[in-house]
Amino acid sequence: MGYKRVVISEFGGPEVLKMIEETTLPEPKPGEVRVKVLVAGAAFTDVMIRKGKYPDVKEKPPFSPGYDMVGVVDKLGEGVTHFKLGQQVADLTVIGSYSEFLCLPESRLTHIPEGVDPAEAVSLVLSYVTAYQMLHRVAKVKRGQRILIHGAGGAVGTAMLQLGKLLDLEMYGTASKTKHELVKQLGATPIDYKGENFVERIRSLTGDGVDAAFDPIGGDNFKRSFSALRRGGKLVAYGFYDAVLGKGGSIPLDFMRLQLWNFWPNGRSTAFYSIGPLRQKQPSWFSEDLTILFDLLAQNKIKPIIATRMPLAEAARAHELIEQAEVQGKIVLTVAATPA
């Protein structure tokens, strides 16, 4: 029996994503589980990987991208004890999940509660864990504080707005005008990043700035976000959107700036967040935080915003939509129709 997967044929634009067919299924090694993938996410991190600009991925093409997935246990390798056939599981794969089947170490998988929609579940794995950890593990935001979220209408942005609402945060979010109604519905004050100076707007609305700013844009935007902080505030950077798309900024220089600003005697600080390295450093946190999020989902306290569900064969189109930055919420790639 064979299976299909999408590979990056070479680093480049969306057109380098190609569907190929393998002749035999992968076999799990001892301690591994073979997973039949139901859904995978499509995110800006996948775009960075496709362009060869993601520092935590050293693989060279051809390989399958795919940062997160939800699937069912299809076969157990020798010695696997924590899972059984047919169980739904999730993982932050970083690469590999644009595939109908893949094998993963048992230790990396998180069990998904019964009755959870796979598309909603996969929306939690990267986007909500990222938002949760930036709020709670990095910025350590306290109830009632003020925050600024860039890209507030996107997958991570909408996740952070929902999680921030649970903390009664005073929230401000930059977004294009088409996303302002969504940002309002999720409890934040929208700011038009194209037509308004967000630093001036934050100052006029708050007086002295925000307690935390979350910025995936990079370049000069980092500097402006830093200046929007009140004394004691923290800038959490978690991406380089402008540099990756050739709109300005430099990844190495942006890293250096963030470090230097921590030495300024103004009471403000910076941190860079990347989910993969943090998981390597603190492996227990990822599963703990994802389990908390699954509980919040089961209690209807959070509800992922799914922009669209697309078949895996349309992965290139999904990447085009992400680069256009007009997507509200998460794009989910459907790999298998049912958990059968």
C-alpha atoms as a PDB file:
ATOM      1  CA  MET A   1       0.000   0.000   0.000  1.00  0.00           C
ATOM      2  CA  GLY A   2       1.304   3.453  -0.910  1.00  0.00           C
ATOM      3  CA  TYR A   3       0.533   6.939   0.335  1.00  0.00           C
ATOM      4  CA  LYS A   4       0.783  10.553  -0.790  1.00  0.00           C
ATOM      5  CA  ARG A   5       2.679  13.473   0.664  1.00  0.00           C
ATOM      6  CA  VAL A   6       3.557  17.034  -0.297  1.00  0.00           C
ATOM      7  CA  VAL A   7       7.250  17.867  -0.542  1.00  0.00           C
ATOM      8  CA  ILE A   8       9.327  21.003  -0.975  1.00  0.00           C
ATOM      9  CA  SER A   9      11.151  20.231  -4.225  1.00  0.00           C
ATOM     10  CA  GLU A  10      13.524  23.182  -3.694  1.00  0.00           C
ATOM     11  CA  PHE A  11      13.472  26.302  -1.539  1.00  0.00           C
ATOM     12  CA  GLY A  12      11.299  28.984  -3.127  1.00  0.00           C
ATOM     13  CA  GLY A  13       7.742  30.160  -3.743  1.00  0.00           C
ATOM     14  CA  PRO A  14       4.484  28.226  -3.298  1.00  0.00           C
ATOM     15  CA  GLU A  15       5.018  26.514  -6.657  1.00  0.00           C
ATOM     16  CA  VAL A  16       7.826  24.368  -5.180  1.00  0.00           C
ATOM     17  CA  LEU A  17       5.252  22.373  -3.184  1.00  0.00           C
ATOM     18  CA  LYS A  18       4.676  19.133  -5.092  1.00  0.00           C
ATOM     19  CA  MET A  19       2.453  16.126  -4.370  1.00  0.00           C
ATOM     20  CA  ILE A  20       4.308  12.806  -4.689  1.00  0.00           C
ATOM     21  CA  GLU A  21       3.305   9.189  -4.122  1.00  0.00           C
ATOM     22  CA  GLU A  22       5.314   6.721  -2.072  1.00  0.00           C
ATOM     23  CA  THR A  23       4.976   3.017  -2.893  1.00  0.00           C
ATOM     24  CA  THR A  24       5.071   1.639   0.667  1.00  0.00           C
ATOM     25  CA  LEU A  25       3.915   2.860   4.072  1.00  0.00           C
ATOM     26  CA  PRO A  26       6.534   3.952   6.632  1.00  0.00           C
ATOM     27  CA  GLU A  27       7.169   1.406   9.383  1.00  0.00           C
ATOM     28  CA  PRO A  28       7.430   2.504  13.030  1.00  0.00           C
ATOM     29  CA  LYS A  29      10.710   1.792  14.798  1.00  0.00           C
ATOM     30  CA  PRO A  30      10.785   0.648  18.441  1.00  0.00           C
ATOM     31  CA  GLY A  31       9.180   3.357  20.569  1.00  0.00           C
ATOM     32  CA  GLU A  32       7.447   4.930  17.570  1.00  0.00           C
ATOM     33  CA  VAL A  33       3.826   5.167  16.467  1.00  0.00           C
ATOM     34  CA  ARG A  34       2.618   5.272  12.880  1.00  0.00           C
ATOM     35  CA  VAL A  35      -0.024   7.967  12.556  1.00  0.00           C
ATOM     36  CA  LYS A  36      -2.643   8.304   9.837  1.00  0.00           C
ATOM     37  CA  VAL A  37      -2.832  12.080   9.481  1.00  0.00           C
ATOM     38  CA  LEU A  38      -6.324  13.574   9.486  1.00  0.00           C
ATOM     39  CA  VAL A  39      -5.474  17.279   9.334  1.00  0.00           C
ATOM     40  CA  ALA A  40      -2.409  19.484   9.247  1.00  0.00           C
ATOM     41  CA  GLY A  41      -2.090  23.192   9.787  1.00  0.00           C
ATOM     42  CA  ALA A  42      -0.787  25.716   7.282  1.00  0.00           C
ATOM     43  CA  ALA A  43       1.033  28.604   8.959  1.00  0.00           C
ATOM     44  CA  PHE A  44       3.603  31.323   8.336  1.00  0.00           C
ATOM     45  CA  THR A  45       6.245  29.072   9.912  1.00  0.00           C
ATOM     46  CA  ASP A  46       5.647  26.646   7.013  1.00  0.00           C
ATOM     47  CA  VAL A  47       6.216  29.545   4.599  1.00  0.00           C
ATOM     48  CA  MET A  48       9.531  30.342   6.314  1.00  0.00           C
ATOM     49  CA  ILE A  49      10.568  26.684   6.067  1.00  0.00           C
ATOM     50  CA  ARG A  50       9.555  26.523   2.380  1.00  0.00           C
ATOM     51  CA  LYS A  51      11.733  29.564   1.671  1.00  0.00           C
ATOM     52  CA  GLY A  52      14.697  28.100   3.585  1.00  0.00           C
ATOM     53  CA  LYS A  53      14.588  30.918   6.146  1.00  0.00           C
ATOM     54  CA  TYR A  54      13.589  29.045   9.306  1.00  0.00           C
ATOM     55  CA  PRO A  55      16.689  28.739  11.532  1.00  0.00           C
ATOM     56  CA  ASP A  56      15.520  25.660  13.440  1.00  0.00           C
ATOM     57  CA  VAL A  57      15.155  23.470  10.319  1.00  0.00           C
ATOM     58  CA  LYS A  58      18.402  22.240   8.753  1.00  0.00           C
ATOM     59  CA  GLU A  59      16.936  19.716   6.268  1.00  0.00           C
ATOM     60  CA  LYS A  60      17.543  20.200   2.572  1.00  0.00           C
ATOM     61  CA  PRO A  61      14.891  19.527  -0.115  1.00  0.00           C
ATOM     62  CA  PRO A  62      13.165  17.348  -0.949  1.00  0.00           C
ATOM     63  CA  PHE A  63      11.282  16.946   2.345  1.00  0.00           C
ATOM     64  CA  SER A  64       7.710  17.342   3.560  1.00  0.00           C
ATOM     65  CA  PRO A  65       6.813  20.512   5.470  1.00  0.00           C
ATOM     66  CA  GLY A  66       4.041  20.596   8.049  1.00  0.00           C
ATOM     67  CA  TYR A  67       4.501  22.105  11.510  1.00  0.00           C
ATOM     68  CA  ASP A  68       1.516  20.517  13.280  1.00  0.00           C
ATOM     69  CA  MET A  69      -0.910  17.662  12.803  1.00  0.00           C
ATOM     70  CA  VAL A  70      -3.752  15.626  14.273  1.00  0.00           C
ATOM     71  CA  GLY A  71      -4.217  11.996  13.333  1.00  0.00           C
ATOM     72  CA  VAL A  72      -5.131   8.521  14.528  1.00  0.00           C
ATOM     73  CA  VAL A  73      -2.789   5.812  15.755  1.00  0.00           C
ATOM     74  CA  ASP A  74      -2.434   3.378  12.846  1.00  0.00           C
ATOM     75  CA  LYS A  75       0.360   1.031  13.998  1.00  0.00           C
ATOM     76  CA  LEU A  76       2.425   0.594  17.162  1.00  0.00           C
ATOM     77  CA  GLY A  77       6.162   0.073  17.178  1.00  0.00           C
ATOM     78  CA  GLU A  78       7.805  -2.340  19.590  1.00  0.00           C
ATOM     79  CA  GLY A  79       7.633  -1.224  23.215  1.00  0.00           C
ATOM     80  CA  VAL A  80       4.887   1.403  22.800  1.00  0.00           C
ATOM     81  CA  THR A  81       2.656   1.355  25.896  1.00  0.00           C
ATOM     82  CA  HIS A  82       0.860   4.701  26.165  1.00  0.00           C
ATOM     83  CA  PHE A  83      -1.278   4.555  23.032  1.00  0.00           C
ATOM     84  CA  LYS A  84      -3.587   2.114  21.315  1.00  0.00           C
ATOM     85  CA  LEU A  85      -4.859   1.739  17.777  1.00  0.00           C
ATOM     86  CA  GLY A  86      -7.513   4.239  16.737  1.00  0.00           C
ATOM     87  CA  GLN A  87      -6.717   6.886  19.353  1.00  0.00           C
ATOM     88  CA  GLN A  88      -6.591  10.492  18.166  1.00  0.00           C
ATOM     89  CA  VAL A  89      -3.262  12.170  18.825  1.00  0.00           C
ATOM     90  CA  ALA A  90      -1.566  15.500  18.111  1.00  0.00           C
ATOM     91  CA  ASP A  91       2.005  16.662  17.689  1.00  0.00           C
ATOM     92  CA  LEU A  92       4.085  19.683  16.820  1.00  0.00           C
ATOM     93  CA  THR A  93       6.048  17.952  14.075  1.00  0.00           C
ATOM     94  CA  VAL A  94       7.903  21.077  12.780  1.00  0.00           C
ATOM     95  CA  ILE A  95       8.298  19.253   9.449  1.00  0.00           C
ATOM     96  CA  GLY A  96       6.626  16.184   7.985  1.00  0.00           C
ATOM     97  CA  SER A  97       2.888  16.501   8.539  1.00  0.00           C
ATOM     98  CA  TYR A  98       1.924  17.333   4.925  1.00  0.00           C
ATOM     99  CA  SER A  99       1.637  13.573   4.504  1.00  0.00           C
ATOM    100  CA  GLU A 100      -1.021  10.874   4.735  1.00  0.00           C
ATOM    101  CA  PHE A 101       1.147   8.808   7.113  1.00  0.00           C
ATOM    102  CA  LEU A 102       4.174   9.450   9.285  1.00  0.00           C
ATOM    103  CA  CYS A 103       5.985   7.783  12.186  1.00  0.00           C
ATOM    104  CA  LEU A 104       6.643   9.675  15.406  1.00  0.00           C
ATOM    105  CA  PRO A 105       8.190   8.860  18.797  1.00  0.00           C
ATOM    106  CA  GLU A 106       5.571   7.894  21.365  1.00  0.00           C
ATOM    107  CA  SER A 107       7.016  10.489  23.754  1.00  0.00           C
ATOM    108  CA  ARG A 108       6.095  13.374  21.426  1.00  0.00           C
ATOM    109  CA  LEU A 109       2.390  12.595  21.072  1.00  0.00           C
ATOM    110  CA  THR A 110      -0.430  14.153  23.085  1.00  0.00           C
ATOM    111  CA  HIS A 111      -3.758  12.351  23.406  1.00  0.00           C
ATOM    112  CA  ILE A 112      -6.827  14.259  22.200  1.00  0.00           C
ATOM    113  CA  PRO A 113     -10.061  13.966  24.229  1.00  0.00           C
ATOM    114  CA  GLU A 114     -12.997  12.147  22.638  1.00  0.00           C
ATOM    115  CA  GLY A 115     -15.377  14.183  20.522  1.00  0.00           C
ATOM    116  CA  VAL A 116     -12.982  17.017  19.662  1.00  0.00           C
ATOM    117  CA  ASP A 117     -13.122  18.216  16.055  1.00  0.00           C
ATOM    118  CA  PRO A 118      -9.700  17.392  14.488  1.00  0.00           C
ATOM    119  CA  ALA A 119      -9.610  20.783  12.705  1.00  0.00           C
ATOM    120  CA  GLU A 120     -10.176  22.624  15.984  1.00  0.00           C
ATOM    121  CA  ALA A 121      -7.650  20.383  17.719  1.00  0.00           C
ATOM    122  CA  VAL A 122      -4.898  21.075  15.179  1.00  0.00           C
ATOM    123  CA  SER A 123      -5.595  24.800  15.550  1.00  0.00           C
ATOM    124  CA  LEU A 124      -4.438  24.517  19.180  1.00  0.00           C
ATOM    125  CA  VAL A 125      -1.151  22.696  18.540  1.00  0.00           C
ATOM    126  CA  LEU A 126       0.893  25.553  17.101  1.00  0.00           C
ATOM    127  CA  SER A 127      -1.200  28.718  17.244  1.00  0.00           C
ATOM    128  CA  TYR A 128      -2.795  28.405  20.694  1.00  0.00           C
ATOM    129  CA  VAL A 129       0.241  26.874  22.393  1.00  0.00           C
ATOM    130  CA  THR A 130       2.305  29.742  20.970  1.00  0.00           C
ATOM    131  CA  ALA A 131      -0.183  32.320  22.279  1.00  0.00           C
ATOM    132  CA  TYR A 132      -0.539  30.580  25.662  1.00  0.00           C
ATOM    133  CA  GLN A 133       3.197  30.239  26.239  1.00  0.00           C
ATOM    134  CA  MET A 134       3.960  33.818  25.212  1.00  0.00           C
ATOM    135  CA  LEU A 135       1.305  35.091  27.612  1.00  0.00           C
ATOM    136  CA  HIS A 136       2.018  32.789  30.550  1.00  0.00           C
ATOM    137  CA  ARG A 137       5.573  31.451  30.178  1.00  0.00           C
ATOM    138  CA  VAL A 138       7.378  34.423  28.614  1.00  0.00           C
ATOM    139  CA  ALA A 139       5.562  37.707  29.307  1.00  0.00           C
ATOM    140  CA  LYS A 140       3.946  36.333  32.481  1.00  0.00           C
ATOM    141  CA  VAL A 141       0.992  38.659  31.958  1.00  0.00           C
ATOM    142  CA  LYS A 142      -1.152  39.301  35.022  1.00  0.00           C
ATOM    143  CA  ARG A 143      -4.929  39.603  35.144  1.00  0.00           C
ATOM    144  CA  GLY A 144      -6.203  42.986  33.976  1.00  0.00           C
ATOM    145  CA  GLN A 145      -2.983  44.177  32.344  1.00  0.00           C
ATOM    146  CA  ARG A 146      -2.738  45.836  28.921  1.00  0.00           C
ATOM    147  CA  ILE A 147      -1.355  44.107  25.833  1.00  0.00           C
ATOM    148  CA  LEU A 148      -0.725  44.947  22.175  1.00  0.00           C
ATOM    149  CA  ILE A 149      -1.081  42.154  19.608  1.00  0.00           C
ATOM    150  CA  HIS A 150       0.187  42.539  16.051  1.00  0.00           C
ATOM    151  CA  GLY A 151      -1.549  40.430  13.419  1.00  0.00           C
ATOM    152  CA  ALA A 152      -4.547  40.256  15.737  1.00  0.00           C
ATOM    153  CA  GLY A 153      -6.801  38.757  13.077  1.00  0.00           C
ATOM    154  CA  GLY A 154      -4.486  35.849  12.241  1.00  0.00           C
ATOM    155  CA  ALA A 155      -4.188  32.391  13.760  1.00  0.00           C
ATOM    156  CA  VAL A 156      -1.937  33.300  16.711  1.00  0.00           C
ATOM    157  CA  GLY A 157      -3.565  36.712  17.114  1.00  0.00           C
ATOM    158  CA  THR A 158      -7.115  35.383  17.444  1.00  0.00           C
ATOM    159  CA  ALA A 159      -5.860  32.679  19.822  1.00  0.00           C
ATOM    160  CA  MET A 160      -4.198  35.303  22.030  1.00  0.00           C
ATOM    161  CA  LEU A 161      -7.324  37.475  22.034  1.00  0.00           C
ATOM    162  CA  GLN A 162      -9.428  34.559  23.285  1.00  0.00           C
ATOM    163  CA  LEU A 163      -6.877  33.604  25.937  1.00  0.00           C
ATOM    164  CA  GLY A 164      -6.425  37.244  26.933  1.00  0.00           C
ATOM    165  CA  LYS A 165     -10.149  37.638  27.428  1.00  0.00           C
ATOM    166  CA  LEU A 166     -10.019  34.836  30.013  1.00  0.00           C
ATOM    167  CA  LEU A 167      -7.560  37.033  31.952  1.00  0.00           C
ATOM    168  CA  ASP A 168      -9.713  40.178  31.590  1.00  0.00           C
ATOM    169  CA  LEU A 169      -6.875  41.874  29.722  1.00  0.00           C
ATOM    170  CA  GLU A 170      -7.191  45.309  28.156  1.00  0.00           C
ATOM    171  CA  MET A 171      -6.297  44.400  24.572  1.00  0.00           C
ATOM    172  CA  TYR A 172      -5.281  46.336  21.463  1.00  0.00           C
ATOM    173  CA  GLY A 173      -4.737  44.636  18.127  1.00  0.00           C
ATOM    174  CA  THR A 174      -3.292  45.798  14.832  1.00  0.00           C
ATOM    175  CA  ALA A 175      -4.993  44.364  11.753  1.00  0.00           C
ATOM    176  CA  SER A 176      -6.188  45.305   8.295  1.00  0.00           C
ATOM    177  CA  LYS A 177      -9.602  46.975   8.209  1.00  0.00           C
ATOM    178  CA  THR A 178     -11.285  43.819   6.878  1.00  0.00           C
ATOM    179  CA  LYS A 179     -10.433  42.102  10.179  1.00  0.00           C
ATOM    180  CA  HIS A 180     -11.489  44.897  12.555  1.00  0.00           C
ATOM    181  CA  GLU A 181     -14.950  43.499  13.218  1.00  0.00           C
ATOM    182  CA  LEU A 182     -13.467  40.125  14.191  1.00  0.00           C
ATOM    183  CA  VAL A 183     -10.924  41.811  16.483  1.00  0.00           C
ATOM    184  CA  LYS A 184     -13.744  43.759  18.164  1.00  0.00           C
ATOM    185  CA  GLN A 185     -15.846  40.612  18.598  1.00  0.00           C
ATOM    186  CA  LEU A 186     -12.903  38.967  20.365  1.00  0.00           C
ATOM    187  CA  GLY A 187     -12.691  41.794  22.889  1.00  0.00           C
ATOM    188  CA  ALA A 188      -9.950  44.099  21.615  1.00  0.00           C
ATOM    189  CA  THR A 189      -9.664  47.632  20.262  1.00  0.00           C
ATOM    190  CA  PRO A 190      -8.601  47.320  16.595  1.00  0.00           C
ATOM    191  CA  ILE A 191      -5.902  49.557  15.113  1.00  0.00           C
ATOM    192  CA  ASP A 192      -5.440  49.905  11.346  1.00  0.00           C
ATOM    193  CA  TYR A 193      -1.761  49.092  10.831  1.00  0.00           C
ATOM    194  CA  LYS A 194      -1.808  50.635   7.345  1.00  0.00           C
ATOM    195  CA  GLY A 195      -3.589  53.905   8.082  1.00  0.00           C
ATOM    196  CA  GLU A 196      -2.721  54.630  11.735  1.00  0.00           C
ATOM    197  CA  ASN A 197       0.455  55.112  13.751  1.00  0.00           C
ATOM    198  CA  PHE A 198      -0.088  52.411  16.350  1.00  0.00           C
ATOM    199  CA  VAL A 199       2.386  53.925  18.837  1.00  0.00           C
ATOM    200  CA  GLU A 200       0.546  57.262  18.852  1.00  0.00           C
ATOM    201  CA  ARG A 201      -2.798  55.467  19.058  1.00  0.00           C
ATOM    202  CA  ILE A 202      -1.659  53.347  22.016  1.00  0.00           C
ATOM    203  CA  ARG A 203      -0.346  56.427  23.820  1.00  0.00           C
ATOM    204  CA  SER A 204      -3.589  58.334  23.250  1.00  0.00           C
ATOM    205  CA  LEU A 205      -5.730  55.409  24.413  1.00  0.00           C
ATOM    206  CA  THR A 206      -3.667  54.334  27.431  1.00  0.00           C
ATOM    207  CA  GLY A 207      -1.600  57.330  28.498  1.00  0.00           C
ATOM    208  CA  ASP A 208       1.602  55.437  29.297  1.00  0.00           C
ATOM    209  CA  GLY A 209       1.604  52.370  27.036  1.00  0.00           C
ATOM    210  CA  VAL A 210       1.075  48.617  27.381  1.00  0.00           C
ATOM    211  CA  ASP A 211       2.487  45.971  29.702  1.00  0.00           C
ATOM    212  CA  ALA A 212       3.352  43.580  26.871  1.00  0.00           C
ATOM    213  CA  ALA A 213       3.559  43.708  23.074  1.00  0.00           C
ATOM    214  CA  PHE A 214       3.602  40.607  20.848  1.00  0.00           C
ATOM    215  CA  ASP A 215       5.267  41.212  17.496  1.00  0.00           C
ATOM    216  CA  PRO A 216       5.791  38.735  14.622  1.00  0.00           C
ATOM    217  CA  ILE A 217       6.602  41.472  12.076  1.00  0.00           C
ATOM    218  CA  GLY A 218      10.223  42.363  12.787  1.00  0.00           C
ATOM    219  CA  GLY A 219      12.348  45.152  11.342  1.00  0.00           C
ATOM    220  CA  ASP A 220      11.346  48.675  12.353  1.00  0.00           C
ATOM    221  CA  ASN A 221       8.105  47.315  13.802  1.00  0.00           C
ATOM    222  CA  PHE A 222      10.078  45.858  16.720  1.00  0.00           C
ATOM    223  CA  LYS A 223      11.396  49.335  17.550  1.00  0.00           C
ATOM    224  CA  ARG A 224       7.914  50.859  17.454  1.00  0.00           C
ATOM    225  CA  SER A 225       6.475  48.048  19.588  1.00  0.00           C
ATOM    226  CA  PHE A 226       9.242  48.567  22.140  1.00  0.00           C
ATOM    227  CA  SER A 227       8.396  52.275  22.333  1.00  0.00           C
ATOM    228  CA  ALA A 228       4.718  51.425  22.941  1.00  0.00           C
ATOM    229  CA  LEU A 229       5.627  49.734  26.251  1.00  0.00           C
ATOM    230  CA  ARG A 230       5.088  51.346  29.621  1.00  0.00           C
ATOM    231  CA  ARG A 231       7.844  51.118  32.218  1.00  0.00           C
ATOM    232  CA  GLY A 232       8.269  47.476  33.260  1.00  0.00           C
ATOM    233  CA  GLY A 233       6.754  46.256  29.989  1.00  0.00           C
ATOM    234  CA  LYS A 234       8.066  43.454  27.787  1.00  0.00           C
ATOM    235  CA  LEU A 235       8.284  43.078  24.015  1.00  0.00           C
ATOM    236  CA  VAL A 236       7.892  39.447  22.931  1.00  0.00           C
ATOM    237  CA  ALA A 237       9.123  38.982  19.369  1.00  0.00           C
ATOM    238  CA  TYR A 238       8.184  35.743  17.647  1.00  0.00           C
ATOM    239  CA  GLY A 239       8.756  36.138  13.930  1.00  0.00           C
ATOM    240  CA  PHE A 240      10.299  38.062  11.074  1.00  0.00           C
ATOM    241  CA  TYR A 241       7.418  38.496   8.650  1.00  0.00           C
ATOM    242  CA  ASP A 242       8.906  41.489   6.830  1.00  0.00           C
ATOM    243  CA  ALA A 243      12.372  39.958   6.430  1.00  0.00           C
ATOM    244  CA  VAL A 244      11.019  36.617   5.185  1.00  0.00           C
ATOM    245  CA  LEU A 245       8.861  38.307   2.543  1.00  0.00           C
ATOM    246  CA  GLY A 246      11.551  40.802   1.546  1.00  0.00           C
ATOM    247  CA  LYS A 247       9.697  43.814   2.973  1.00  0.00           C
ATOM    248  CA  GLY A 248      12.523  45.057   5.175  1.00  0.00           C
ATOM    249  CA  GLY A 249      14.474  44.100   8.238  1.00  0.00           C
ATOM    250  CA  SER A 250      17.178  41.498   8.732  1.00  0.00           C
ATOM    251  CA  ILE A 251      16.799  38.400  10.905  1.00  0.00           C
ATOM    252  CA  PRO A 252      20.372  38.542  12.365  1.00  0.00           C
ATOM    253  CA  LEU A 253      20.197  42.314  12.959  1.00  0.00           C
ATOM    254  CA  ASP A 254      16.739  42.061  14.504  1.00  0.00           C
ATOM    255  CA  PHE A 255      18.058  39.433  16.949  1.00  0.00           C
ATOM    256  CA  MET A 256      20.944  41.735  17.896  1.00  0.00           C
ATOM    257  CA  ARG A 257      18.623  44.694  18.438  1.00  0.00           C
ATOM    258  CA  LEU A 258      16.414  42.696  20.791  1.00  0.00           C
ATOM    259  CA  GLN A 259      19.424  41.706  22.890  1.00  0.00           C
ATOM    260  CA  LEU A 260      20.850  45.230  23.013  1.00  0.00           C
ATOM    261  CA  TRP A 261      17.561  46.786  24.125  1.00  0.00           C
ATOM    262  CA  ASN A 262      17.669  44.659  27.277  1.00  0.00           C
ATOM    263  CA  PHE A 263      20.655  46.735  28.423  1.00  0.00           C
ATOM    264  CA  TRP A 264      18.834  50.057  28.102  1.00  0.00           C
ATOM    265  CA  PRO A 265      18.141  51.539  31.576  1.00  0.00           C
ATOM    266  CA  ASN A 266      14.472  52.291  30.887  1.00  0.00           C
ATOM    267  CA  GLY A 267      12.775  49.484  32.769  1.00  0.00           C
ATOM    268  CA  ARG A 268      11.578  47.723  29.613  1.00  0.00           C
ATOM    269  CA  SER A 269      12.752  44.349  28.305  1.00  0.00           C
ATOM    270  CA  THR A 270      12.578  42.028  25.308  1.00  0.00           C
ATOM    271  CA  ALA A 271      12.391  38.290  24.691  1.00  0.00           C
ATOM    272  CA  PHE A 272      12.344  36.158  21.562  1.00  0.00           C
ATOM    273  CA  TYR A 273       9.915  33.246  21.482  1.00  0.00           C
ATOM    274  CA  SER A 274      10.179  30.181  19.258  1.00  0.00           C
ATOM    275  CA  ILE A 275       8.039  27.187  20.102  1.00  0.00           C
ATOM    276  CA  GLY A 276      10.462  24.504  18.865  1.00  0.00           C
ATOM    277  CA  PRO A 277      13.543  25.505  20.887  1.00  0.00           C
ATOM    278  CA  LEU A 278      11.408  26.123  23.985  1.00  0.00           C
ATOM    279  CA  ARG A 279       9.978  22.614  23.664  1.00  0.00           C
ATOM    280  CA  GLN A 280      13.506  21.192  23.483  1.00  0.00           C
ATOM    281  CA  LYS A 281      14.555  23.188  26.540  1.00  0.00           C
ATOM    282  CA  GLN A 282      11.395  22.483  28.567  1.00  0.00           C
ATOM    283  CA  PRO A 283       9.888  19.307  27.018  1.00  0.00           C
ATOM    284  CA  SER A 284       7.180  18.882  29.655  1.00  0.00           C
ATOM    285  CA  TRP A 285       5.691  22.343  29.062  1.00  0.00           C
ATOM    286  CA  PHE A 286       4.362  21.627  25.578  1.00  0.00           C
ATOM    287  CA  SER A 287       2.194  18.655  26.531  1.00  0.00           C
ATOM    288  CA  GLU A 288       1.103  20.345  29.786  1.00  0.00           C
ATOM    289  CA  ASP A 289       0.023  23.506  27.979  1.00  0.00           C
ATOM    290  CA  LEU A 290      -1.661  21.669  25.103  1.00  0.00           C
ATOM    291  CA  THR A 291      -3.613  19.553  27.620  1.00  0.00           C
ATOM    292  CA  ILE A 292      -4.800  22.735  29.374  1.00  0.00           C
ATOM    293  CA  LEU A 293      -5.932  24.101  26.007  1.00  0.00           C
ATOM    294  CA  PHE A 294      -7.808  20.905  25.133  1.00  0.00           C
ATOM    295  CA  ASP A 295      -9.643  21.259  28.461  1.00  0.00           C
ATOM    296  CA  LEU A 296     -10.536  24.891  27.660  1.00  0.00           C
ATOM    297  CA  LEU A 297     -11.799  23.779  24.255  1.00  0.00           C
ATOM    298  CA  ALA A 298     -13.922  21.005  25.794  1.00  0.00           C
ATOM    299  CA  GLN A 299     -15.414  23.582  28.197  1.00  0.00           C
ATOM    300  CA  ASN A 300     -16.212  25.929  25.262  1.00  0.00           C
ATOM    301  CA  LYS A 301     -14.005  28.624  26.805  1.00  0.00           C
ATOM    302  CA  ILE A 302     -12.030  28.938  23.572  1.00  0.00           C
ATOM    303  CA  LYS A 303     -13.183  28.424  19.984  1.00  0.00           C
ATOM    304  CA  PRO A 304     -10.573  28.383  17.212  1.00  0.00           C
ATOM    305  CA  ILE A 305     -11.281  30.666  14.261  1.00  0.00           C
ATOM    306  CA  ILE A 306     -10.866  28.463  11.180  1.00  0.00           C
ATOM    307  CA  ALA A 307     -10.496  30.559   8.038  1.00  0.00           C
ATOM    308  CA  THR A 308     -10.903  27.674   5.626  1.00  0.00           C
ATOM    309  CA  ARG A 309     -10.427  23.928   5.263  1.00  0.00           C
ATOM    310  CA  MET A 310      -8.566  22.877   2.128  1.00  0.00           C
ATOM    311  CA  PRO A 311      -7.455  19.489   0.782  1.00  0.00           C
ATOM    312  CA  LEU A 312      -3.752  18.671   1.140  1.00  0.00           C
ATOM    313  CA  ALA A 313      -3.412  18.858  -2.650  1.00  0.00           C
ATOM    314  CA  GLU A 314      -4.060  22.622  -2.374  1.00  0.00           C
ATOM    315  CA  ALA A 315      -1.132  23.270  -0.003  1.00  0.00           C
ATOM    316  CA  ALA A 316       0.456  25.703  -2.481  1.00  0.00           C
ATOM    317  CA  ARG A 317      -2.748  27.758  -2.599  1.00  0.00           C
ATOM    318  CA  ALA A 318      -2.849  27.777   1.224  1.00  0.00           C
ATOM    319  CA  HIS A 319       0.680  29.226   1.281  1.00  0.00           C
ATOM    320  CA  GLU A 320      -0.337  31.918  -1.205  1.00  0.00           C
ATOM    321  CA  LEU A 321      -3.204  32.958   1.075  1.00  0.00           C
ATOM    322  CA  ILE A 322      -0.885  33.114   4.086  1.00  0.00           C
ATOM    323  CA  GLU A 323       1.580  35.355   2.251  1.00  0.00           C
ATOM    324  CA  GLN A 324      -1.254  37.700   1.264  1.00  0.00           C
ATOM    325  CA  ALA A 325      -1.987  38.175   5.011  1.00  0.00           C
ATOM    326  CA  GLU A 326      -5.736  38.397   4.460  1.00  0.00           C
ATOM    327  CA  VAL A 327      -6.652  35.140   6.230  1.00  0.00           C
ATOM    328  CA  GLN A 328      -8.796  35.426   9.359  1.00  0.00           C
ATOM    329  CA  GLY A 329      -7.729  32.674  11.750  1.00  0.00           C
ATOM    330  CA  LYS A 330      -6.242  29.303  10.836  1.00  0.00           C
ATOM    331  CA  ILE A 331      -5.980  27.448   7.534  1.00  0.00           C
ATOM    332  CA  VAL A 332      -6.487  23.705   8.007  1.00  0.00           C
ATOM    333  CA  LEU A 333      -5.372  21.163   5.405  1.00  0.00           C
ATOM    334  CA  THR A 334      -7.618  18.091   5.296  1.00  0.00           C
ATOM    335  CA  VAL A 335      -5.520  14.974   4.720  1.00  0.00           C
ATOM    336  CA  ALA A 336      -8.020  12.180   5.486  1.00  0.00           C
ATOM    337  CA  ALA A 337     -11.796  12.682   5.467  1.00  0.00           C
ATOM    338  CA  THR A 338     -12.685  10.697   8.606  1.00  0.00           C
ATOM    339  CA  PRO A 339     -10.846   9.146  11.569  1.00  0.00           C
ATOM    340  CA  ALA A 340     -11.272   5.658  10.157  1.00  0.00           C
END
